[in-house]
Amino acid sequence: TDAAESGIEQGDLLVLRGIRTAITRGDTSIHATLIGKSGERELTLDMPLTDDERRILLAGCLINYYKES
């Protein structure tokens, strides 16, 4: 789905509460709030991440991941 089909426009904000916890738990989706010109709406986003991708995100970036390894 591209941005136009999803209703996301440039300048909109996407709020992901508890993202670190969700990644740590291995969740495959997360609830988010899209804040735009037309108001707020709740979304569920898919997060199909590999174990390595999760560790990279939790480290903060790929450089930190390599440094910690």
N, C-alpha and C. Protein backbone atom coordinates (compact mmCIF):
# COMPACT_ATOMS: atom_id res chain seq x y z
N THR A 1 0.84 -1.18 0.00
CA THR A 1 0.00 0.00 0.00
C THR A 1 0.88 1.24 0.00
N ASP A 2 0.65 2.14 -0.91
CA ASP A 2 1.45 3.36 -0.90
C ASP A 2 0.78 4.39 0.01
N ALA A 3 1.49 5.50 0.24
CA ALA A 3 1.02 6.51 1.19
C ALA A 3 -0.34 7.08 0.79
N ALA A 4 -0.58 7.29 -0.50
CA ALA A 4 -1.85 7.86 -0.94
C ALA A 4 -3.01 6.93 -0.61
N GLU A 5 -2.82 5.63 -0.78
CA GLU A 5 -3.88 4.67 -0.50
C GLU A 5 -4.15 4.56 1.00
N SER A 6 -3.13 4.76 1.83
CA SER A 6 -3.29 4.62 3.27
C SER A 6 -3.81 5.88 3.93
N GLY A 7 -3.83 6.99 3.21
CA GLY A 7 -4.30 8.24 3.78
C GLY A 7 -3.23 8.99 4.54
N ILE A 8 -1.99 8.55 4.43
CA ILE A 8 -0.87 9.24 5.09
C ILE A 8 -0.35 10.31 4.15
N GLU A 9 -0.21 11.51 4.68
CA GLU A 9 0.27 12.63 3.87
C GLU A 9 1.55 13.20 4.46
N GLN A 10 2.31 13.89 3.62
CA GLN A 10 3.52 14.54 4.09
C GLN A 10 3.17 15.49 5.23
N GLY A 11 3.95 15.43 6.30
CA GLY A 11 3.72 16.28 7.46
C GLY A 11 2.91 15.61 8.56
N ASP A 12 2.30 14.46 8.27
CA ASP A 12 1.57 13.73 9.30
C ASP A 12 2.56 13.14 10.30
N LEU A 13 2.09 12.94 11.52
CA LEU A 13 2.92 12.33 12.56
C LEU A 13 2.39 10.93 12.86
N LEU A 14 3.32 10.01 13.08
CA LEU A 14 2.97 8.66 13.45
C LEU A 14 3.54 8.40 14.83
N VAL A 15 2.67 8.17 15.81
CA VAL A 15 3.09 7.97 17.19
C VAL A 15 3.07 6.47 17.50
N LEU A 16 4.23 5.94 17.89
CA LEU A 16 4.37 4.53 18.22
C LEU A 16 4.70 4.41 19.70
N ARG A 17 3.69 4.20 20.52
CA ARG A 17 3.92 4.07 21.96
C ARG A 17 4.32 2.64 22.28
N GLY A 18 5.36 2.49 23.09
CA GLY A 18 5.78 1.16 23.52
C GLY A 18 6.52 0.37 22.46
N ILE A 19 7.13 1.06 21.51
CA ILE A 19 7.81 0.37 20.40
C ILE A 19 8.96 -0.50 20.90
N ARG A 20 9.74 -0.02 21.86
CA ARG A 20 10.86 -0.79 22.38
C ARG A 20 10.38 -2.08 23.03
N THR A 21 9.33 -1.98 23.82
CA THR A 21 8.76 -3.16 24.47
C THR A 21 8.24 -4.14 23.44
N ALA A 22 7.54 -3.65 22.42
CA ALA A 22 7.00 -4.51 21.38
C ALA A 22 8.11 -5.24 20.63
N ILE A 23 9.19 -4.53 20.32
CA ILE A 23 10.32 -5.15 19.62
C ILE A 23 10.97 -6.19 20.52
N THR A 24 11.17 -5.87 21.78
CA THR A 24 11.79 -6.79 22.73
C THR A 24 10.96 -8.06 22.88
N ARG A 25 9.65 -7.92 22.94
CA ARG A 25 8.76 -9.09 23.10
C ARG A 25 8.66 -9.93 21.84
N GLY A 26 9.05 -9.35 20.71
CA GLY A 26 8.92 -10.08 19.45
C GLY A 26 7.56 -9.94 18.80
N ASP A 27 6.82 -8.88 19.16
CA ASP A 27 5.51 -8.64 18.56
C ASP A 27 5.65 -8.50 17.04
N THR A 28 4.64 -8.95 16.31
CA THR A 28 4.66 -8.83 14.86
C THR A 28 3.78 -7.68 14.36
N SER A 29 3.14 -6.98 15.29
CA SER A 29 2.37 -5.78 14.93
C SER A 29 2.36 -4.84 16.13
N ILE A 30 2.05 -3.58 15.85
CA ILE A 30 2.00 -2.58 16.92
C ILE A 30 0.89 -1.58 16.62
N HIS A 31 0.25 -1.12 17.67
CA HIS A 31 -0.77 -0.08 17.51
C HIS A 31 -0.08 1.27 17.41
N ALA A 32 -0.61 2.13 16.56
CA ALA A 32 -0.03 3.45 16.34
C ALA A 32 -1.16 4.47 16.21
N THR A 33 -0.80 5.73 16.40
CA THR A 33 -1.74 6.83 16.20
C THR A 33 -1.21 7.70 15.08
N LEU A 34 -2.01 7.91 14.07
CA LEU A 34 -1.67 8.79 12.96
C LEU A 34 -2.33 10.14 13.24
N ILE A 35 -1.51 11.19 13.33
CA ILE A 35 -2.01 12.54 13.59
C ILE A 35 -1.78 13.37 12.34
N GLY A 36 -2.87 13.81 11.74
CA GLY A 36 -2.77 14.58 10.51
C GLY A 36 -3.70 15.77 10.51
N LYS A 37 -3.78 16.41 9.37
CA LYS A 37 -4.62 17.60 9.23
C LYS A 37 -6.09 17.30 9.50
N SER A 38 -6.51 16.08 9.19
CA SER A 38 -7.91 15.73 9.36
C SER A 38 -8.21 15.13 10.73
N GLY A 39 -7.21 15.11 11.62
CA GLY A 39 -7.42 14.60 12.97
C GLY A 39 -6.55 13.40 13.27
N GLU A 40 -6.98 12.62 14.25
CA GLU A 40 -6.23 11.44 14.68
C GLU A 40 -7.00 10.19 14.31
N ARG A 41 -6.23 9.12 14.01
CA ARG A 41 -6.86 7.82 13.83
C ARG A 41 -5.89 6.73 14.26
N GLU A 42 -6.46 5.66 14.76
CA GLU A 42 -5.68 4.53 15.24
C GLU A 42 -5.38 3.57 14.09
N LEU A 43 -4.17 3.04 14.09
CA LEU A 43 -3.74 2.08 13.07
C LEU A 43 -3.09 0.89 13.75
N THR A 44 -3.04 -0.22 13.06
CA THR A 44 -2.21 -1.34 13.47
C THR A 44 -1.20 -1.56 12.37
N LEU A 45 0.07 -1.52 12.72
CA LEU A 45 1.15 -1.66 11.75
C LEU A 45 1.79 -3.03 11.89
N ASP A 46 2.05 -3.68 10.76
CA ASP A 46 2.77 -4.95 10.76
C ASP A 46 4.25 -4.70 10.98
N MET A 47 4.88 -5.56 11.78
CA MET A 47 6.32 -5.46 12.06
C MET A 47 6.99 -6.82 11.86
N PRO A 48 7.05 -7.30 10.62
CA PRO A 48 7.69 -8.61 10.40
C PRO A 48 9.22 -8.46 10.41
N LEU A 49 9.81 -8.55 11.59
CA LEU A 49 11.25 -8.33 11.74
C LEU A 49 11.97 -9.65 12.03
N THR A 50 13.18 -9.77 11.48
CA THR A 50 14.01 -10.92 11.83
C THR A 50 14.63 -10.66 13.19
N ASP A 51 15.21 -11.69 13.80
CA ASP A 51 15.88 -11.51 15.09
C ASP A 51 17.02 -10.51 14.98
N ASP A 52 17.79 -10.57 13.88
CA ASP A 52 18.88 -9.60 13.69
C ASP A 52 18.35 -8.18 13.57
N GLU A 53 17.27 -7.99 12.84
CA GLU A 53 16.69 -6.65 12.70
C GLU A 53 16.22 -6.12 14.06
N ARG A 54 15.66 -6.98 14.86
CA ARG A 54 15.24 -6.57 16.21
C ARG A 54 16.43 -6.13 17.05
N ARG A 55 17.50 -6.91 17.01
CA ARG A 55 18.70 -6.56 17.79
C ARG A 55 19.31 -5.25 17.30
N ILE A 56 19.31 -5.01 16.00
CA ILE A 56 19.84 -3.75 15.45
C ILE A 56 19.02 -2.58 15.94
N LEU A 57 17.70 -2.69 15.88
CA LEU A 57 16.82 -1.60 16.34
C LEU A 57 17.00 -1.35 17.83
N LEU A 58 17.10 -2.41 18.62
CA LEU A 58 17.26 -2.25 20.07
C LEU A 58 18.62 -1.66 20.42
N ALA A 59 19.62 -1.90 19.57
CA ALA A 59 20.95 -1.30 19.79
C ALA A 59 20.96 0.18 19.42
N GLY A 60 19.99 0.62 18.64
CA GLY A 60 19.90 2.02 18.26
C GLY A 60 20.30 2.28 16.82
N CYS A 61 21.21 1.47 16.28
CA CYS A 61 21.63 1.59 14.90
C CYS A 61 22.58 0.42 14.58
N LEU A 62 22.90 0.27 13.32
CA LEU A 62 23.76 -0.82 12.88
C LEU A 62 25.17 -0.70 13.45
N ILE A 63 25.68 0.51 13.54
CA ILE A 63 27.03 0.73 14.09
C ILE A 63 27.07 0.26 15.55
N ASN A 64 26.08 0.64 16.34
CA ASN A 64 26.03 0.20 17.74
C ASN A 64 25.91 -1.31 17.84
N TYR A 65 25.13 -1.91 16.94
CA TYR A 65 24.96 -3.35 16.93
C TYR A 65 26.30 -4.04 16.72
N TYR A 66 27.08 -3.55 15.73
CA TYR A 66 28.40 -4.13 15.47
C TYR A 66 29.35 -3.90 16.64
N LYS A 67 29.24 -2.73 17.24
CA LYS A 67 30.11 -2.42 18.38
C LYS A 67 29.82 -3.35 19.56
N GLU A 68 28.55 -3.68 19.77
CA GLU A 68 28.15 -4.55 20.88
C GLU A 68 28.45 -6.01 20.62
N SER A 69 28.59 -6.38 19.34
CA SER A 69 28.80 -7.80 18.97
C SER A 69 30.22 -8.24 19.19
